[in-house]
Amino acid sequence: MSSIKEICRHFGITPTKYTLLKNVTIVESDKKCLVIKKKFRDKKELYSYLSSRSFSYYPELLYETEDYEVYPYLEDVTYPTEQRSLDLIYFMSLLHNKTTFYKEVDLDSIKAFYEEKTQEIDYLFQYYQGLQDAFERNVYMSPGEYLLLYHISFLYHMLLLSKDMLERFQKQVMDSKRQRYAMVHHRLTLDHFRKSNVSCFISWDHASLDLPIYDFYYFYQENDRSLDYMSLLEVYMQKYPLLESEMLQLFVLLSIPRKLYFQKEEYEVTKEIYLEIKRLKKVEKMVLKYQEKYRQKQK
């Protein structure tokens, strides 16, 4: 069982500085800078697979022990978040393009997804109807209660929209018999994208062969209030056009309202409601735009 000090001796370096970041240690010396990471899984097979599919945008694994992985430290260019996001989306689409394959529809997973989302939608209908009934009985409403009731019809509309898309998704994917899979990173964030002389994704611990929409969905969840996802989805679709069933499944995930809690300070409650409604209106606009595109294709 090697220690970080033993790894440094292996590379013949005398550390001048250690920086601890969660499960990563950055070791600096006058010779080189290393990233020593606790091993979550063996990645040789993963990197070999990516290389065989002509995708080389992953960090070089310099050395590994039973407990650690060692990578070169990658300098990162600082530039506008919007451009960084576009670059990340480009490499995401490239990853999916290079590793795509088809296989028979997994009926059990489709059924599980359908039942899970149906239960979530039905629960949220009951939850928001309960809040509506309770707030309407109040003589005086708080700002958060008033804001929620003002937008309650829109929340019900989004729940109905998500349920309709869920039904259409299930029918389409069952009729198609096959689904697309690709290597999915599962943790794509702006922090996990490095841009310098060599661009790459880091932190592949959770990567697996899965439905490609989950990378876009995860990235959305991490940054949904700060980026223009209509534009990012357009860029992604130019490089990796989603099938209609894939788009429906993605939109189901995006359009289900989040559960809003009222056990917080009033300012925080009101802010959360405002931001969630703003998010959902952007999603609705995105859904309507792409539904129209698919209708035009069918004519």
C-alpha atoms as a PDB file:
ATOM      1  CA  MET A   1       0.000   0.000   0.000  1.00  0.00           C
ATOM      2  CA  SER A   2       1.843   3.080  -1.270  1.00  0.00           C
ATOM      3  CA  SER A   3       1.659   6.512   0.340  1.00  0.00           C
ATOM      4  CA  ILE A   4       1.869   9.900  -1.364  1.00  0.00           C
ATOM      5  CA  LYS A   5       5.437  10.261  -0.099  1.00  0.00           C
ATOM      6  CA  GLU A   6       6.385   6.934  -1.671  1.00  0.00           C
ATOM      7  CA  ILE A   7       4.802   8.019  -4.968  1.00  0.00           C
ATOM      8  CA  CYS A   8       6.887  11.201  -4.892  1.00  0.00           C
ATOM      9  CA  ARG A   9      10.036   9.105  -4.318  1.00  0.00           C
ATOM     10  CA  HIS A  10       9.040   6.948  -7.314  1.00  0.00           C
ATOM     11  CA  PHE A  11       9.098  10.065  -9.502  1.00  0.00           C
ATOM     12  CA  GLY A  12      12.274  11.379  -7.868  1.00  0.00           C
ATOM     13  CA  ILE A  13      10.735  14.636  -6.723  1.00  0.00           C
ATOM     14  CA  THR A  14      10.939  16.596  -3.486  1.00  0.00           C
ATOM     15  CA  PRO A  15       7.588  18.303  -2.901  1.00  0.00           C
ATOM     16  CA  THR A  16       7.622  22.021  -2.198  1.00  0.00           C
ATOM     17  CA  LYS A  17       3.885  22.367  -1.782  1.00  0.00           C
ATOM     18  CA  TYR A  18       0.828  20.153  -1.203  1.00  0.00           C
ATOM     19  CA  THR A  19      -2.708  21.295  -2.070  1.00  0.00           C
ATOM     20  CA  LEU A  20      -5.612  19.149  -0.885  1.00  0.00           C
ATOM     21  CA  LEU A  21      -8.851  19.201  -2.895  1.00  0.00           C
ATOM     22  CA  LYS A  22     -11.400  16.603  -1.714  1.00  0.00           C
ATOM     23  CA  ASN A  23      -9.918  13.261  -2.820  1.00  0.00           C
ATOM     24  CA  VAL A  24      -7.147  14.899  -4.887  1.00  0.00           C
ATOM     25  CA  THR A  25      -3.687  16.010  -3.779  1.00  0.00           C
ATOM     26  CA  ILE A  26      -1.726  18.400  -6.002  1.00  0.00           C
ATOM     27  CA  VAL A  27       1.997  17.955  -5.415  1.00  0.00           C
ATOM     28  CA  GLU A  28       4.297  20.734  -6.626  1.00  0.00           C
ATOM     29  CA  SER A  29       8.079  20.586  -6.937  1.00  0.00           C
ATOM     30  CA  ASP A  30      10.785  22.335  -8.930  1.00  0.00           C
ATOM     31  CA  LYS A  31      10.724  19.437 -11.439  1.00  0.00           C
ATOM     32  CA  LYS A  32       7.046  18.782 -12.067  1.00  0.00           C
ATOM     33  CA  CYS A  33       3.534  19.064 -10.734  1.00  0.00           C
ATOM     34  CA  LEU A  34       1.505  15.924 -10.124  1.00  0.00           C
ATOM     35  CA  VAL A  35      -2.121  15.194  -9.322  1.00  0.00           C
ATOM     36  CA  ILE A  36      -2.437  12.231  -6.961  1.00  0.00           C
ATOM     37  CA  LYS A  37      -5.969  10.933  -6.728  1.00  0.00           C
ATOM     38  CA  LYS A  38      -7.491   8.223  -4.583  1.00  0.00           C
ATOM     39  CA  LYS A  39      -8.468   5.335  -6.820  1.00  0.00           C
ATOM     40  CA  PHE A  40     -12.200   4.829  -7.184  1.00  0.00           C
ATOM     41  CA  ARG A  41     -11.942   2.209  -9.938  1.00  0.00           C
ATOM     42  CA  ASP A  42      -9.375   0.859 -12.375  1.00  0.00           C
ATOM     43  CA  LYS A  43      -9.472   3.030 -15.514  1.00  0.00           C
ATOM     44  CA  LYS A  44      -7.009   1.264 -17.822  1.00  0.00           C
ATOM     45  CA  GLU A  45      -9.796  -0.579 -19.612  1.00  0.00           C
ATOM     46  CA  LEU A  46     -11.857   2.617 -19.902  1.00  0.00           C
ATOM     47  CA  TYR A  47      -8.992   4.652 -21.347  1.00  0.00           C
ATOM     48  CA  SER A  48      -8.092   1.821 -23.689  1.00  0.00           C
ATOM     49  CA  TYR A  49     -11.672   1.733 -24.945  1.00  0.00           C
ATOM     50  CA  LEU A  50     -11.745   5.506 -25.492  1.00  0.00           C
ATOM     51  CA  SER A  51      -8.449   5.317 -27.366  1.00  0.00           C
ATOM     52  CA  SER A  52      -9.762   2.487 -29.562  1.00  0.00           C
ATOM     53  CA  ARG A  53     -12.695   4.734 -30.507  1.00  0.00           C
ATOM     54  CA  SER A  54     -10.325   7.602 -31.412  1.00  0.00           C
ATOM     55  CA  PHE A  55     -11.305   9.711 -28.412  1.00  0.00           C
ATOM     56  CA  SER A  56      -8.137  10.932 -26.715  1.00  0.00           C
ATOM     57  CA  TYR A  57      -9.466  13.759 -24.575  1.00  0.00           C
ATOM     58  CA  TYR A  58      -8.771  12.214 -21.192  1.00  0.00           C
ATOM     59  CA  PRO A  59      -5.804  12.753 -18.842  1.00  0.00           C
ATOM     60  CA  GLU A  60      -2.658  10.664 -19.166  1.00  0.00           C
ATOM     61  CA  LEU A  61      -2.402   8.077 -16.409  1.00  0.00           C
ATOM     62  CA  LEU A  62       1.268   8.280 -15.375  1.00  0.00           C
ATOM     63  CA  TYR A  63       1.294   5.728 -12.610  1.00  0.00           C
ATOM     64  CA  GLU A  64      -1.022   3.834 -10.281  1.00  0.00           C
ATOM     65  CA  THR A  65      -0.871   1.849  -7.092  1.00  0.00           C
ATOM     66  CA  GLU A  66      -3.465  -0.166  -5.264  1.00  0.00           C
ATOM     67  CA  ASP A  67      -4.866   3.021  -3.713  1.00  0.00           C
ATOM     68  CA  TYR A  68      -3.834   5.933  -5.921  1.00  0.00           C
ATOM     69  CA  GLU A  69      -3.702   7.209  -9.501  1.00  0.00           C
ATOM     70  CA  VAL A  70      -1.121   9.739 -10.642  1.00  0.00           C
ATOM     71  CA  TYR A  71      -1.710  12.251 -13.432  1.00  0.00           C
ATOM     72  CA  PRO A  72       0.236  15.245 -14.701  1.00  0.00           C
ATOM     73  CA  TYR A  73      -1.151  18.527 -13.468  1.00  0.00           C
ATOM     74  CA  LEU A  74      -3.030  20.197 -16.337  1.00  0.00           C
ATOM     75  CA  GLU A  75      -2.850  23.946 -16.547  1.00  0.00           C
ATOM     76  CA  ASP A  76      -6.250  25.453 -17.262  1.00  0.00           C
ATOM     77  CA  VAL A  77      -6.918  28.558 -19.340  1.00  0.00           C
ATOM     78  CA  THR A  78      -9.221  31.146 -17.799  1.00  0.00           C
ATOM     79  CA  TYR A  79     -11.777  32.410 -20.287  1.00  0.00           C
ATOM     80  CA  PRO A  80     -15.497  33.323 -20.375  1.00  0.00           C
ATOM     81  CA  THR A  81     -17.887  30.748 -18.943  1.00  0.00           C
ATOM     82  CA  GLU A  82     -20.121  30.894 -22.017  1.00  0.00           C
ATOM     83  CA  GLN A  83     -17.267  29.938 -24.350  1.00  0.00           C
ATOM     84  CA  ARG A  84     -16.042  27.301 -21.933  1.00  0.00           C
ATOM     85  CA  SER A  85     -19.514  25.772 -21.910  1.00  0.00           C
ATOM     86  CA  LEU A  86     -19.615  25.668 -25.704  1.00  0.00           C
ATOM     87  CA  ASP A  87     -16.242  23.925 -25.757  1.00  0.00           C
ATOM     88  CA  LEU A  88     -17.417  21.396 -23.182  1.00  0.00           C
ATOM     89  CA  ILE A  89     -20.560  20.688 -25.229  1.00  0.00           C
ATOM     90  CA  TYR A  90     -18.457  20.220 -28.359  1.00  0.00           C
ATOM     91  CA  PHE A  91     -16.243  17.602 -26.688  1.00  0.00           C
ATOM     92  CA  MET A  92     -19.310  15.978 -25.108  1.00  0.00           C
ATOM     93  CA  SER A  93     -20.853  15.540 -28.556  1.00  0.00           C
ATOM     94  CA  LEU A  94     -17.537  14.196 -29.839  1.00  0.00           C
ATOM     95  CA  LEU A  95     -17.395  11.640 -27.010  1.00  0.00           C
ATOM     96  CA  HIS A  96     -20.891  10.430 -27.837  1.00  0.00           C
ATOM     97  CA  ASN A  97     -20.258  10.374 -31.582  1.00  0.00           C
ATOM     98  CA  LYS A  98     -17.097   8.331 -31.242  1.00  0.00           C
ATOM     99  CA  THR A  99     -18.587   5.741 -28.887  1.00  0.00           C
ATOM    100  CA  THR A 100     -22.191   5.349 -30.092  1.00  0.00           C
ATOM    101  CA  PHE A 101     -23.668   1.920 -30.696  1.00  0.00           C
ATOM    102  CA  TYR A 102     -27.160   0.446 -30.821  1.00  0.00           C
ATOM    103  CA  LYS A 103     -28.630  -2.383 -28.844  1.00  0.00           C
ATOM    104  CA  GLU A 104     -32.033  -3.900 -28.231  1.00  0.00           C
ATOM    105  CA  VAL A 105     -34.354  -1.890 -26.046  1.00  0.00           C
ATOM    106  CA  ASP A 106     -34.084  -2.860 -22.397  1.00  0.00           C
ATOM    107  CA  LEU A 107     -37.783  -3.260 -21.585  1.00  0.00           C
ATOM    108  CA  ASP A 108     -37.153  -3.443 -17.847  1.00  0.00           C
ATOM    109  CA  SER A 109     -35.252  -0.137 -17.767  1.00  0.00           C
ATOM    110  CA  ILE A 110     -37.913   1.584 -19.888  1.00  0.00           C
ATOM    111  CA  LYS A 111     -40.629   0.300 -17.583  1.00  0.00           C
ATOM    112  CA  ALA A 112     -38.660   1.392 -14.503  1.00  0.00           C
ATOM    113  CA  PHE A 113     -38.097   4.896 -15.930  1.00  0.00           C
ATOM    114  CA  TYR A 114     -41.764   5.222 -16.907  1.00  0.00           C
ATOM    115  CA  GLU A 115     -43.034   4.092 -13.503  1.00  0.00           C
ATOM    116  CA  GLU A 116     -40.546   6.233 -11.560  1.00  0.00           C
ATOM    117  CA  LYS A 117     -41.408   9.411 -13.463  1.00  0.00           C
ATOM    118  CA  THR A 118     -45.155   8.684 -13.396  1.00  0.00           C
ATOM    119  CA  GLN A 119     -44.998   8.345  -9.614  1.00  0.00           C
ATOM    120  CA  GLU A 120     -42.924  11.534  -9.319  1.00  0.00           C
ATOM    121  CA  ILE A 121     -45.357  13.535 -11.480  1.00  0.00           C
ATOM    122  CA  ASP A 122     -48.423  12.194  -9.628  1.00  0.00           C
ATOM    123  CA  TYR A 123     -46.808  12.927  -6.270  1.00  0.00           C
ATOM    124  CA  LEU A 124     -45.966  16.510  -7.290  1.00  0.00           C
ATOM    125  CA  PHE A 125     -49.551  17.081  -8.481  1.00  0.00           C
ATOM    126  CA  GLN A 126     -50.809  16.062  -5.038  1.00  0.00           C
ATOM    127  CA  TYR A 127     -48.079  18.015  -3.260  1.00  0.00           C
ATOM    128  CA  TYR A 128     -48.811  21.297  -5.061  1.00  0.00           C
ATOM    129  CA  GLN A 129     -52.584  20.806  -4.805  1.00  0.00           C
ATOM    130  CA  GLY A 130     -52.114  20.375  -1.042  1.00  0.00           C
ATOM    131  CA  LEU A 131     -50.084  23.594  -0.847  1.00  0.00           C
ATOM    132  CA  GLN A 132     -52.654  25.431  -2.967  1.00  0.00           C
ATOM    133  CA  ASP A 133     -55.528  24.322  -0.717  1.00  0.00           C
ATOM    134  CA  ALA A 134     -53.610  25.290   2.433  1.00  0.00           C
ATOM    135  CA  PHE A 135     -52.465  28.705   1.176  1.00  0.00           C
ATOM    136  CA  GLU A 136     -55.899  29.661  -0.187  1.00  0.00           C
ATOM    137  CA  ARG A 137     -57.339  29.202   3.310  1.00  0.00           C
ATOM    138  CA  ASN A 138     -54.872  31.721   4.776  1.00  0.00           C
ATOM    139  CA  VAL A 139     -56.257  35.164   5.541  1.00  0.00           C
ATOM    140  CA  TYR A 140     -52.843  36.689   4.872  1.00  0.00           C
ATOM    141  CA  MET A 141     -50.359  35.043   2.529  1.00  0.00           C
ATOM    142  CA  SER A 142     -46.592  35.391   2.703  1.00  0.00           C
ATOM    143  CA  PRO A 143     -44.761  36.634  -0.410  1.00  0.00           C
ATOM    144  CA  GLY A 144     -43.625  33.074  -1.180  1.00  0.00           C
ATOM    145  CA  GLU A 145     -47.146  31.661  -0.814  1.00  0.00           C
ATOM    146  CA  TYR A 146     -48.568  34.395  -3.050  1.00  0.00           C
ATOM    147  CA  LEU A 147     -45.853  33.855  -5.683  1.00  0.00           C
ATOM    148  CA  LEU A 148     -46.477  30.110  -5.761  1.00  0.00           C
ATOM    149  CA  LEU A 149     -50.251  30.543  -6.140  1.00  0.00           C
ATOM    150  CA  TYR A 150     -49.712  33.148  -8.856  1.00  0.00           C
ATOM    151  CA  HIS A 151     -47.787  30.525 -10.877  1.00  0.00           C
ATOM    152  CA  ILE A 152     -49.631  27.379  -9.755  1.00  0.00           C
ATOM    153  CA  SER A 153     -51.431  26.941 -13.094  1.00  0.00           C
ATOM    154  CA  PHE A 154     -48.062  27.028 -14.869  1.00  0.00           C
ATOM    155  CA  LEU A 155     -46.679  24.335 -12.542  1.00  0.00           C
ATOM    156  CA  TYR A 156     -49.686  22.116 -13.325  1.00  0.00           C
ATOM    157  CA  HIS A 157     -49.163  22.834 -17.023  1.00  0.00           C
ATOM    158  CA  MET A 158     -45.535  21.674 -16.832  1.00  0.00           C
ATOM    159  CA  LEU A 159     -46.543  18.519 -14.964  1.00  0.00           C
ATOM    160  CA  LEU A 160     -49.122  17.727 -17.664  1.00  0.00           C
ATOM    161  CA  LEU A 161     -46.573  18.488 -20.380  1.00  0.00           C
ATOM    162  CA  SER A 162     -44.008  16.189 -18.803  1.00  0.00           C
ATOM    163  CA  LYS A 163     -46.616  13.419 -18.449  1.00  0.00           C
ATOM    164  CA  ASP A 164     -47.631  13.746 -22.102  1.00  0.00           C
ATOM    165  CA  MET A 165     -43.993  13.557 -23.228  1.00  0.00           C
ATOM    166  CA  LEU A 166     -43.428  10.556 -20.962  1.00  0.00           C
ATOM    167  CA  GLU A 167     -46.305   8.687 -22.646  1.00  0.00           C
ATOM    168  CA  ARG A 168     -44.999   9.572 -26.103  1.00  0.00           C
ATOM    169  CA  PHE A 169     -41.467   8.568 -25.147  1.00  0.00           C
ATOM    170  CA  GLN A 170     -42.538   5.149 -23.926  1.00  0.00           C
ATOM    171  CA  LYS A 171     -44.550   4.456 -27.089  1.00  0.00           C
ATOM    172  CA  GLN A 172     -41.789   5.607 -29.438  1.00  0.00           C
ATOM    173  CA  VAL A 173     -38.942   3.742 -27.803  1.00  0.00           C
ATOM    174  CA  MET A 174     -40.993   0.535 -27.561  1.00  0.00           C
ATOM    175  CA  ASP A 175     -41.909   0.809 -31.244  1.00  0.00           C
ATOM    176  CA  SER A 176     -38.306   1.474 -32.313  1.00  0.00           C
ATOM    177  CA  LYS A 177     -36.975  -1.788 -30.779  1.00  0.00           C
ATOM    178  CA  ARG A 178     -33.452  -0.326 -30.473  1.00  0.00           C
ATOM    179  CA  GLN A 179     -31.781   2.382 -28.408  1.00  0.00           C
ATOM    180  CA  ARG A 180     -28.548   4.318 -28.781  1.00  0.00           C
ATOM    181  CA  TYR A 181     -25.860   3.986 -26.159  1.00  0.00           C
ATOM    182  CA  ALA A 182     -22.510   5.706 -25.778  1.00  0.00           C
ATOM    183  CA  MET A 183     -19.757   6.237 -23.247  1.00  0.00           C
ATOM    184  CA  VAL A 184     -21.251   8.658 -20.735  1.00  0.00           C
ATOM    185  CA  HIS A 185     -19.010  10.599 -18.371  1.00  0.00           C
ATOM    186  CA  HIS A 186     -21.819  11.122 -15.801  1.00  0.00           C
ATOM    187  CA  ARG A 187     -20.020  13.970 -14.001  1.00  0.00           C
ATOM    188  CA  LEU A 188     -19.553  16.646 -16.653  1.00  0.00           C
ATOM    189  CA  THR A 189     -19.154  20.060 -15.047  1.00  0.00           C
ATOM    190  CA  LEU A 190     -17.131  23.116 -15.962  1.00  0.00           C
ATOM    191  CA  ASP A 191     -14.627  22.094 -13.264  1.00  0.00           C
ATOM    192  CA  HIS A 192     -14.149  18.714 -14.941  1.00  0.00           C
ATOM    193  CA  PHE A 193     -13.151  20.249 -18.283  1.00  0.00           C
ATOM    194  CA  ARG A 194      -9.572  21.381 -18.847  1.00  0.00           C
ATOM    195  CA  LYS A 195      -8.602  23.690 -21.693  1.00  0.00           C
ATOM    196  CA  SER A 196      -4.949  24.356 -22.485  1.00  0.00           C
ATOM    197  CA  ASN A 197      -2.561  22.965 -25.077  1.00  0.00           C
ATOM    198  CA  VAL A 198      -4.480  19.711 -24.661  1.00  0.00           C
ATOM    199  CA  SER A 199      -8.196  19.799 -23.879  1.00  0.00           C
ATOM    200  CA  CYS A 200      -9.708  16.963 -21.889  1.00  0.00           C
ATOM    201  CA  PHE A 201     -12.307  15.774 -19.427  1.00  0.00           C
ATOM    202  CA  ILE A 202     -11.061  14.734 -16.003  1.00  0.00           C
ATOM    203  CA  SER A 203     -12.682  12.687 -13.195  1.00  0.00           C
ATOM    204  CA  TRP A 204     -13.920   9.648 -15.123  1.00  0.00           C
ATOM    205  CA  ASP A 205     -14.754   7.675 -11.970  1.00  0.00           C
ATOM    206  CA  HIS A 206     -18.445   7.285 -12.816  1.00  0.00           C
ATOM    207  CA  ALA A 207     -18.196   6.813 -16.592  1.00  0.00           C
ATOM    208  CA  SER A 208     -20.165   3.965 -18.145  1.00  0.00           C
ATOM    209  CA  LEU A 209     -21.955   2.909 -21.316  1.00  0.00           C
ATOM    210  CA  ASP A 210     -25.354   4.531 -20.974  1.00  0.00           C
ATOM    211  CA  LEU A 211     -27.910   6.751 -22.697  1.00  0.00           C
ATOM    212  CA  PRO A 212     -26.082   9.852 -24.000  1.00  0.00           C
ATOM    213  CA  ILE A 213     -28.782  12.270 -22.804  1.00  0.00           C
ATOM    214  CA  TYR A 214     -27.601  11.781 -19.221  1.00  0.00           C
ATOM    215  CA  ASP A 215     -24.405  13.796 -19.800  1.00  0.00           C
ATOM    216  CA  PHE A 216     -26.359  16.790 -21.068  1.00  0.00           C
ATOM    217  CA  TYR A 217     -28.887  16.406 -18.246  1.00  0.00           C
ATOM    218  CA  TYR A 218     -26.176  16.259 -15.550  1.00  0.00           C
ATOM    219  CA  PHE A 219     -24.442  19.326 -16.986  1.00  0.00           C
ATOM    220  CA  TYR A 220     -27.791  21.138 -17.004  1.00  0.00           C
ATOM    221  CA  GLN A 221     -28.462  20.268 -13.367  1.00  0.00           C
ATOM    222  CA  GLU A 222     -25.116  21.706 -12.328  1.00  0.00           C
ATOM    223  CA  ASN A 223     -25.474  25.011 -14.218  1.00  0.00           C
ATOM    224  CA  ASP A 224     -29.157  25.444 -15.085  1.00  0.00           C
ATOM    225  CA  ARG A 225     -29.471  28.963 -13.701  1.00  0.00           C
ATOM    226  CA  SER A 226     -26.410  30.509 -15.277  1.00  0.00           C
ATOM    227  CA  LEU A 227     -26.235  29.297 -18.901  1.00  0.00           C
ATOM    228  CA  ASP A 228     -28.266  29.556 -22.087  1.00  0.00           C
ATOM    229  CA  TYR A 229     -29.242  25.927 -22.556  1.00  0.00           C
ATOM    230  CA  MET A 230     -31.265  26.584 -25.688  1.00  0.00           C
ATOM    231  CA  SER A 231     -28.054  27.608 -27.474  1.00  0.00           C
ATOM    232  CA  LEU A 232     -26.029  24.794 -25.916  1.00  0.00           C
ATOM    233  CA  LEU A 233     -28.571  22.181 -26.982  1.00  0.00           C
ATOM    234  CA  GLU A 234     -28.510  23.574 -30.516  1.00  0.00           C
ATOM    235  CA  VAL A 235     -24.729  23.212 -30.631  1.00  0.00           C
ATOM    236  CA  TYR A 236     -24.954  19.683 -29.284  1.00  0.00           C
ATOM    237  CA  MET A 237     -27.681  18.759 -31.793  1.00  0.00           C
ATOM    238  CA  GLN A 238     -25.583  20.029 -34.702  1.00  0.00           C
ATOM    239  CA  LYS A 239     -22.845  17.553 -33.792  1.00  0.00           C
ATOM    240  CA  TYR A 240     -24.972  14.770 -32.327  1.00  0.00           C
ATOM    241  CA  PRO A 241     -28.634  15.006 -33.392  1.00  0.00           C
ATOM    242  CA  LEU A 242     -30.894  13.377 -30.835  1.00  0.00           C
ATOM    243  CA  LEU A 243     -33.582  10.969 -31.952  1.00  0.00           C
ATOM    244  CA  GLU A 244     -37.102  12.071 -31.125  1.00  0.00           C
ATOM    245  CA  SER A 245     -37.436   9.434 -28.392  1.00  0.00           C
ATOM    246  CA  GLU A 246     -34.155  10.660 -26.849  1.00  0.00           C
ATOM    247  CA  MET A 247     -35.327  14.259 -26.985  1.00  0.00           C
ATOM    248  CA  LEU A 248     -38.614  13.330 -25.332  1.00  0.00           C
ATOM    249  CA  GLN A 249     -36.820  11.511 -22.529  1.00  0.00           C
ATOM    250  CA  LEU A 250     -34.474  14.454 -21.980  1.00  0.00           C
ATOM    251  CA  PHE A 251     -37.381  16.897 -21.905  1.00  0.00           C
ATOM    252  CA  VAL A 252     -39.266  14.731 -19.411  1.00  0.00           C
ATOM    253  CA  LEU A 253     -36.269  14.988 -17.082  1.00  0.00           C
ATOM    254  CA  LEU A 254     -35.981  18.744 -17.567  1.00  0.00           C
ATOM    255  CA  SER A 255     -39.655  19.709 -17.417  1.00  0.00           C
ATOM    256  CA  ILE A 256     -40.742  18.076 -14.142  1.00  0.00           C
ATOM    257  CA  PRO A 257     -40.926  20.866 -11.533  1.00  0.00           C
ATOM    258  CA  ARG A 258     -38.756  20.513  -8.486  1.00  0.00           C
ATOM    259  CA  LYS A 259     -40.326  20.140  -5.088  1.00  0.00           C
ATOM    260  CA  LEU A 260     -40.308  23.564  -3.462  1.00  0.00           C
ATOM    261  CA  TYR A 261     -40.004  23.651   0.317  1.00  0.00           C
ATOM    262  CA  PHE A 262     -41.390  26.310   2.653  1.00  0.00           C
ATOM    263  CA  GLN A 263     -39.364  25.443   5.759  1.00  0.00           C
ATOM    264  CA  LYS A 264     -36.779  28.166   5.052  1.00  0.00           C
ATOM    265  CA  GLU A 265     -36.345  31.879   5.541  1.00  0.00           C
ATOM    266  CA  GLU A 266     -38.986  33.783   3.556  1.00  0.00           C
ATOM    267  CA  TYR A 267     -36.422  35.416   1.301  1.00  0.00           C
ATOM    268  CA  GLU A 268     -34.916  32.035   0.372  1.00  0.00           C
ATOM    269  CA  VAL A 269     -38.350  30.498  -0.255  1.00  0.00           C
ATOM    270  CA  THR A 270     -39.411  33.356  -2.535  1.00  0.00           C
ATOM    271  CA  LYS A 271     -36.094  33.288  -4.370  1.00  0.00           C
ATOM    272  CA  GLU A 272     -36.308  29.522  -4.967  1.00  0.00           C
ATOM    273  CA  ILE A 273     -39.848  29.823  -6.365  1.00  0.00           C
ATOM    274  CA  TYR A 274     -38.832  32.674  -8.666  1.00  0.00           C
ATOM    275  CA  LEU A 275     -35.785  30.793  -9.985  1.00  0.00           C
ATOM    276  CA  GLU A 276     -37.698  27.540 -10.511  1.00  0.00           C
ATOM    277  CA  ILE A 277     -40.447  29.280 -12.492  1.00  0.00           C
ATOM    278  CA  LYS A 278     -37.798  31.065 -14.538  1.00  0.00           C
ATOM    279  CA  ARG A 279     -36.071  27.720 -15.219  1.00  0.00           C
ATOM    280  CA  LEU A 280     -39.302  26.023 -16.244  1.00  0.00           C
ATOM    281  CA  LYS A 281     -40.252  28.831 -18.625  1.00  0.00           C
ATOM    282  CA  LYS A 282     -36.924  28.370 -20.391  1.00  0.00           C
ATOM    283  CA  VAL A 283     -37.535  24.624 -20.566  1.00  0.00           C
ATOM    284  CA  GLU A 284     -41.044  25.165 -21.967  1.00  0.00           C
ATOM    285  CA  LYS A 285     -39.627  27.434 -24.671  1.00  0.00           C
ATOM    286  CA  MET A 286     -37.028  24.797 -25.543  1.00  0.00           C
ATOM    287  CA  VAL A 287     -39.636  22.021 -25.652  1.00  0.00           C
ATOM    288  CA  LEU A 288     -41.987  23.986 -27.907  1.00  0.00           C
ATOM    289  CA  LYS A 289     -39.181  24.873 -30.290  1.00  0.00           C
ATOM    290  CA  TYR A 290     -38.012  21.297 -30.783  1.00  0.00           C
ATOM    291  CA  GLN A 291     -41.528  19.883 -30.930  1.00  0.00           C
ATOM    292  CA  GLU A 292     -42.175  22.215 -33.842  1.00  0.00           C
ATOM    293  CA  LYS A 293     -38.953  21.066 -35.529  1.00  0.00           C
ATOM    294  CA  TYR A 294     -39.967  17.420 -35.284  1.00  0.00           C
ATOM    295  CA  ARG A 295     -43.448  18.222 -36.589  1.00  0.00           C
ATOM    296  CA  GLN A 296     -41.912  19.965 -39.595  1.00  0.00           C
ATOM    297  CA  LYS A 297     -39.743  16.917 -40.312  1.00  0.00           C
ATOM    298  CA  GLN A 298     -42.760  14.633 -40.322  1.00  0.00           C
ATOM    299  CA  LYS A 299     -44.607  16.696 -42.930  1.00  0.00           C
END
